[in-house]
């Protein structure tokens, strides 16, 4: 059975734009998985400690035959390949990959919670998600459409990035 997973991407170290571009290519090479499309890139202020560089964020859509936990394992391995180090909560990172949604499933395990518990509060997640999926409603999130949810949480610090020069 094929499932649709939505992945949030973020980076703010070691050329974050290039980190995300490489990560998007790597997502398409995951076993039993295709990266079918992704949002434009956005610059955003960090959540948490402000003594770190701004982030570059995006959302990717995957079609996968992997289970949610097997996909999480692959995402975490990809973070490690990008030299992700977890020094502090909400600290700087070379790559952060979050499993936001997996079909319309609700998943609660010690390792994984889907839908991602903070996504509705993050403009840097909701804006690229709304851009990618359009104004549809996701029953696992809310009765509001994605565009309305994105407008509610996006701030002035979220900037779309143009093509790389």
Protein backbone atom coordinates (compact mmCIF):
# COMPACT_ATOMS: atom_id res chain seq x y z
CA UNK A 1 0.00 0.00 0.00
CA UNK A 2 1.30 3.44 -0.87
CA UNK A 3 0.98 6.30 1.63
CA UNK A 4 1.42 10.03 1.37
CA UNK A 5 3.74 11.66 3.90
CA UNK A 6 4.45 15.36 4.31
CA UNK A 7 7.88 16.28 5.61
CA UNK A 8 8.97 19.62 7.07
CA UNK A 9 12.56 20.58 6.25
CA UNK A 10 14.68 23.18 8.02
CA UNK A 11 18.34 24.18 8.26
CA UNK A 12 20.35 27.15 9.48
CA UNK A 13 23.99 25.98 9.38
CA UNK A 14 26.56 25.26 6.64
CA UNK A 15 24.75 26.92 3.72
CA UNK A 16 21.16 26.06 4.73
CA UNK A 17 19.71 26.57 1.25
CA UNK A 18 22.15 24.02 -0.21
CA UNK A 19 21.45 21.66 2.72
CA UNK A 20 17.73 21.69 1.87
CA UNK A 21 18.36 21.26 -1.85
CA UNK A 22 20.55 18.20 -1.15
CA UNK A 23 17.99 16.87 1.33
CA UNK A 24 15.19 17.14 -1.24
CA UNK A 25 17.27 15.12 -3.69
CA UNK A 26 18.04 12.55 -0.97
CA UNK A 27 14.36 12.21 -0.03
CA UNK A 28 13.68 11.06 -3.58
CA UNK A 29 16.33 8.34 -3.15
CA UNK A 30 14.89 6.85 0.06
CA UNK A 31 13.96 3.18 -0.30
CA UNK A 32 10.42 2.50 -1.51
CA UNK A 33 9.78 6.26 -1.60
CA UNK A 34 9.34 9.01 -4.21
CA UNK A 35 9.50 12.73 -3.50
CA UNK A 36 6.62 13.85 -5.69
CA UNK A 37 6.76 17.61 -5.10
CA UNK A 38 7.94 20.26 -2.69
CA UNK A 39 7.21 23.85 -1.75
CA UNK A 40 9.33 26.87 -2.44
CA UNK A 41 11.97 27.73 0.14
CA UNK A 42 11.30 30.26 2.90
CA UNK A 43 13.59 32.14 5.27
CA UNK A 44 12.40 32.42 8.87
CA UNK A 45 13.59 33.55 12.27
CA UNK A 46 14.55 30.76 14.66
CA UNK A 47 12.08 29.41 17.20
CA UNK A 48 13.63 29.37 20.65
CA UNK A 49 17.12 30.79 21.17
CA UNK A 50 17.64 33.85 19.00
CA UNK A 51 21.46 33.66 19.11
CA UNK A 52 21.55 31.58 15.94
CA UNK A 53 21.22 32.24 12.20
CA UNK A 54 17.88 32.43 10.40
CA UNK A 55 16.45 29.22 8.97
CA UNK A 56 15.55 28.06 5.50
CA UNK A 57 12.39 25.93 5.47
CA UNK A 58 10.27 23.93 3.03
CA UNK A 59 7.74 21.08 2.93
CA UNK A 60 8.01 17.98 0.73
CA UNK A 61 5.40 15.45 -0.27
CA UNK A 62 6.48 11.81 -0.40
CA UNK A 63 4.72 8.73 -1.69
CA UNK A 64 6.05 5.78 0.26
CA UNK A 65 5.57 2.12 0.94
CA UNK A 66 7.38 2.51 4.28
CA UNK A 67 5.58 2.44 7.60
CA UNK A 68 5.60 5.68 9.62
CA UNK A 69 8.35 4.43 11.96
CA UNK A 70 10.45 3.05 9.10
CA UNK A 71 10.15 6.43 7.36
CA UNK A 72 11.13 8.19 10.60
CA UNK A 73 14.23 5.97 10.78
CA UNK A 74 15.15 6.96 7.22
CA UNK A 75 14.62 10.66 7.97
CA UNK A 76 16.81 10.49 11.06
CA UNK A 77 19.52 8.66 9.12
CA UNK A 78 19.40 11.41 6.50
CA UNK A 79 19.80 14.04 9.25
CA UNK A 80 22.87 12.17 10.47
CA UNK A 81 24.32 12.10 6.94
CA UNK A 82 24.00 15.90 7.04
CA UNK A 83 25.98 15.96 10.31
CA UNK A 84 23.00 16.87 12.50
CA UNK A 85 24.07 17.39 16.11
CA UNK A 86 21.52 17.92 18.89
CA UNK A 87 23.33 20.23 21.32
CA UNK A 88 20.30 22.07 22.68
CA UNK A 89 16.54 22.14 22.30
CA UNK A 90 15.55 24.30 19.29
CA UNK A 91 19.23 24.97 18.65
CA UNK A 92 20.98 25.43 15.30
CA UNK A 93 21.20 22.51 12.91
CA UNK A 94 22.46 21.49 9.52
CA UNK A 95 19.20 19.66 8.78
CA UNK A 96 15.92 19.03 10.55
CA UNK A 97 13.36 16.68 9.02
CA UNK A 98 9.95 16.39 10.68
CA UNK A 99 7.25 13.92 9.71
CA UNK A 100 4.27 16.28 9.70
CA UNK A 101 1.49 14.11 8.31
CA UNK A 102 1.14 10.50 7.23
CA UNK A 103 -2.02 9.99 5.19
CA UNK A 104 -4.88 11.05 7.48
CA UNK A 105 -3.55 8.94 10.32
CA UNK A 106 -3.19 9.93 13.93
CA UNK A 107 -0.10 8.28 15.45
CA UNK A 108 1.07 8.52 19.05
CA UNK A 109 4.10 6.47 20.08
CA UNK A 110 7.06 7.26 22.32
CA UNK A 111 9.13 8.06 19.17
CA UNK A 112 6.56 9.66 16.89
CA UNK A 113 3.49 11.88 17.10
CA UNK A 114 1.57 12.59 13.88
CA UNK A 115 0.18 15.08 13.04
CA UNK A 116 3.24 16.92 14.27
CA UNK A 117 2.12 18.57 17.53
CA UNK A 118 3.55 22.04 16.81
CA UNK A 119 2.84 22.40 13.10
CA UNK A 120 -0.33 24.47 13.50
CA UNK A 121 1.67 27.05 15.47
CA UNK A 122 4.46 27.48 12.91
CA UNK A 123 4.14 29.77 9.92
CA UNK A 124 7.32 28.28 8.46
CA UNK A 125 5.46 24.95 8.27
CA UNK A 126 1.93 26.07 7.45
CA UNK A 127 2.79 28.53 4.64
CA UNK A 128 4.84 26.03 2.59
CA UNK A 129 2.23 23.35 3.33
CA UNK A 130 -0.59 25.60 2.09
CA UNK A 131 1.46 26.55 -0.98
CA UNK A 132 2.05 22.89 -1.73
CA UNK A 133 -1.44 21.50 -1.12
CA UNK A 134 -3.62 24.51 -1.88
CA UNK A 135 -6.70 25.48 0.13
CA UNK A 136 -7.81 21.92 0.91
CA UNK A 137 -8.85 20.82 4.36
CA UNK A 138 -6.96 18.08 6.13
CA UNK A 139 -9.35 16.29 8.44
CA UNK A 140 -6.52 15.30 10.76
CA UNK A 141 -5.71 18.99 11.40
CA UNK A 142 -8.72 21.23 11.52
CA UNK A 143 -12.01 22.16 9.91
CA UNK A 144 -10.32 25.26 8.51
CA UNK A 145 -8.57 25.10 5.17
CA UNK A 146 -4.78 25.27 4.98
CA UNK A 147 -4.69 28.81 3.63
CA UNK A 148 -6.69 30.08 6.63
CA UNK A 149 -4.44 28.16 9.03
CA UNK A 150 -1.31 29.52 7.35
CA UNK A 151 -2.53 33.13 7.45
CA UNK A 152 -3.28 32.82 11.15
CA UNK A 153 0.29 31.84 12.10
CA UNK A 154 2.60 33.39 9.54
CA UNK A 155 4.44 36.51 10.58
CA UNK A 156 6.48 39.24 9.02
CA UNK A 157 9.66 37.20 9.54
CA UNK A 158 8.70 34.59 6.90
CA UNK A 159 10.23 35.48 3.54
CA UNK A 160 9.94 33.50 0.31
CA UNK A 161 13.30 32.88 -1.30
CA UNK A 162 13.74 33.30 -5.03
CA UNK A 163 15.86 31.16 -7.30
CA UNK A 164 19.41 30.66 -6.09
CA UNK A 165 21.88 32.98 -7.73
